[in-house]
Amino acid sequence: QMKKQCDQKLLIRMKTECVPCSLNLETQCPAGYTRITNGTGIPDCRYYLETKTHTLSFPGCRHHCMKEFEQPECCQGHWGPDCMGK
């Protein structure tokens, strides 16, 4: 019996919003995502504060998150919603 369904595993990555590093300890990933960075996250971004006259930019931190996603796919030689053969 040949396998008809060959699901593809996809990794979806995203980053949380840039915030002051001291506030980033508590930052959670969106529902369904797993946080892959620890502590205050990665200091690779800038966040902005607007005053009446200026927009100030400060170095900040963000977390990286990922989610595993299975995309249903038929094996070679099979197709259709039930992955039927020839």
C-alpha atoms as a PDB file:
ATOM      1  CA  GLN A   1       0.000   0.000   0.000  1.00  0.00           C
ATOM      2  CA  MET A   2       1.675   3.186  -1.214  1.00  0.00           C
ATOM      3  CA  LYS A   3       1.321   6.308   0.851  1.00  0.00           C
ATOM      4  CA  LYS A   4      -1.092   8.739  -0.765  1.00  0.00           C
ATOM      5  CA  GLN A   5      -0.728  11.735   1.512  1.00  0.00           C
ATOM      6  CA  CYS A   6       2.661  13.457   1.944  1.00  0.00           C
ATOM      7  CA  ASP A   7       1.910  16.463   4.150  1.00  0.00           C
ATOM      8  CA  GLN A   8       4.463  19.258   4.104  1.00  0.00           C
ATOM      9  CA  LYS A   9       5.697  20.630   7.435  1.00  0.00           C
ATOM     10  CA  LEU A  10       6.029  24.392   7.286  1.00  0.00           C
ATOM     11  CA  LEU A  11       7.661  26.600   9.892  1.00  0.00           C
ATOM     12  CA  ILE A  12       6.154  30.044  10.129  1.00  0.00           C
ATOM     13  CA  ARG A  13       8.322  32.609  11.874  1.00  0.00           C
ATOM     14  CA  MET A  14       7.375  36.060  13.101  1.00  0.00           C
ATOM     15  CA  LYS A  15       8.721  38.757  15.381  1.00  0.00           C
ATOM     16  CA  THR A  16       6.905  40.599  18.142  1.00  0.00           C
ATOM     17  CA  GLU A  17       6.634  44.379  18.190  1.00  0.00           C
ATOM     18  CA  CYS A  18       9.705  46.369  19.168  1.00  0.00           C
ATOM     19  CA  VAL A  19       9.504  47.657  22.767  1.00  0.00           C
ATOM     20  CA  PRO A  20      11.959  48.849  25.437  1.00  0.00           C
ATOM     21  CA  CYS A  21      14.080  45.814  26.352  1.00  0.00           C
ATOM     22  CA  SER A  22      13.147  46.083  30.040  1.00  0.00           C
ATOM     23  CA  LEU A  23       9.469  45.668  29.115  1.00  0.00           C
ATOM     24  CA  ASN A  24      10.066  42.759  26.747  1.00  0.00           C
ATOM     25  CA  LEU A  25      10.491  40.079  29.445  1.00  0.00           C
ATOM     26  CA  GLU A  26       6.725  39.620  29.630  1.00  0.00           C
ATOM     27  CA  THR A  27       6.008  39.776  25.896  1.00  0.00           C
ATOM     28  CA  GLN A  28       4.088  36.763  24.643  1.00  0.00           C
ATOM     29  CA  CYS A  29       3.856  35.424  21.116  1.00  0.00           C
ATOM     30  CA  PRO A  30       0.475  35.394  19.364  1.00  0.00           C
ATOM     31  CA  ALA A  31      -1.769  32.393  20.064  1.00  0.00           C
ATOM     32  CA  GLY A  32      -0.409  29.223  18.499  1.00  0.00           C
ATOM     33  CA  TYR A  33       3.164  30.502  18.274  1.00  0.00           C
ATOM     34  CA  THR A  34       6.081  29.381  20.431  1.00  0.00           C
ATOM     35  CA  ARG A  35       8.644  31.894  21.684  1.00  0.00           C
ATOM     36  CA  ILE A  36      12.143  30.876  20.560  1.00  0.00           C
ATOM     37  CA  THR A  37      14.030  33.708  22.247  1.00  0.00           C
ATOM     38  CA  ASN A  38      14.546  34.110  25.994  1.00  0.00           C
ATOM     39  CA  GLY A  39      14.771  36.898  28.529  1.00  0.00           C
ATOM     40  CA  THR A  40      14.488  40.332  26.960  1.00  0.00           C
ATOM     41  CA  GLY A  41      14.697  38.929  23.419  1.00  0.00           C
ATOM     42  CA  ILE A  42      16.885  40.270  20.622  1.00  0.00           C
ATOM     43  CA  PRO A  43      18.047  43.902  20.661  1.00  0.00           C
ATOM     44  CA  ASP A  44      17.822  44.323  16.875  1.00  0.00           C
ATOM     45  CA  CYS A  45      15.169  47.007  16.419  1.00  0.00           C
ATOM     46  CA  ARG A  46      14.166  50.550  17.257  1.00  0.00           C
ATOM     47  CA  TYR A  47      10.940  51.881  18.708  1.00  0.00           C
ATOM     48  CA  TYR A  48       9.616  55.414  18.450  1.00  0.00           C
ATOM     49  CA  LEU A  49       8.186  57.916  20.894  1.00  0.00           C
ATOM     50  CA  GLU A  50       6.388  60.935  19.556  1.00  0.00           C
ATOM     51  CA  THR A  51       6.504  64.229  21.382  1.00  0.00           C
ATOM     52  CA  LYS A  52       4.742  67.382  20.233  1.00  0.00           C
ATOM     53  CA  THR A  53       7.727  68.490  18.187  1.00  0.00           C
ATOM     54  CA  HIS A  54       9.865  65.410  17.525  1.00  0.00           C
ATOM     55  CA  THR A  55       9.755  61.698  16.966  1.00  0.00           C
ATOM     56  CA  LEU A  56      12.440  60.057  19.075  1.00  0.00           C
ATOM     57  CA  SER A  57      13.933  56.697  18.200  1.00  0.00           C
ATOM     58  CA  PHE A  58      15.379  54.308  20.805  1.00  0.00           C
ATOM     59  CA  PRO A  59      17.045  50.901  20.575  1.00  0.00           C
ATOM     60  CA  GLY A  60      14.620  48.187  21.659  1.00  0.00           C
ATOM     61  CA  CYS A  61      14.090  44.440  21.814  1.00  0.00           C
ATOM     62  CA  ARG A  62      11.692  41.944  20.281  1.00  0.00           C
ATOM     63  CA  HIS A  63      11.081  38.227  20.478  1.00  0.00           C
ATOM     64  CA  HIS A  64      11.158  35.720  17.676  1.00  0.00           C
ATOM     65  CA  CYS A  65       8.256  33.263  17.523  1.00  0.00           C
ATOM     66  CA  MET A  66       7.527  30.230  15.397  1.00  0.00           C
ATOM     67  CA  LYS A  67       4.630  27.958  14.593  1.00  0.00           C
ATOM     68  CA  GLU A  68       4.660  24.538  12.977  1.00  0.00           C
ATOM     69  CA  PHE A  69       2.032  24.124  10.340  1.00  0.00           C
ATOM     70  CA  GLU A  70       1.147  20.999   8.359  1.00  0.00           C
ATOM     71  CA  GLN A  71       0.046  21.642   4.832  1.00  0.00           C
ATOM     72  CA  PRO A  72      -1.896  18.702   3.401  1.00  0.00           C
ATOM     73  CA  GLU A  73      -0.321  17.521   0.172  1.00  0.00           C
ATOM     74  CA  CYS A  74      -0.630  14.417  -1.968  1.00  0.00           C
ATOM     75  CA  CYS A  75       2.373  12.259  -2.782  1.00  0.00           C
ATOM     76  CA  GLN A  76       3.643  12.173  -6.362  1.00  0.00           C
ATOM     77  CA  GLY A  77       1.190  10.438  -8.706  1.00  0.00           C
ATOM     78  CA  HIS A  78      -1.826  11.185  -6.474  1.00  0.00           C
ATOM     79  CA  TRP A  79      -4.200  14.132  -6.580  1.00  0.00           C
ATOM     80  CA  GLY A  80      -7.576  15.442  -5.601  1.00  0.00           C
ATOM     81  CA  PRO A  81      -9.131  15.946  -2.158  1.00  0.00           C
ATOM     82  CA  ASP A  82      -8.669  12.256  -1.281  1.00  0.00           C
ATOM     83  CA  CYS A  83      -5.242  11.898  -2.945  1.00  0.00           C
ATOM     84  CA  MET A  84      -6.496   9.195  -5.297  1.00  0.00           C
ATOM     85  CA  GLY A  85      -4.040   7.445  -7.621  1.00  0.00           C
ATOM     86  CA  LYS A  86      -4.166   7.087 -11.396  1.00  0.00           C
END
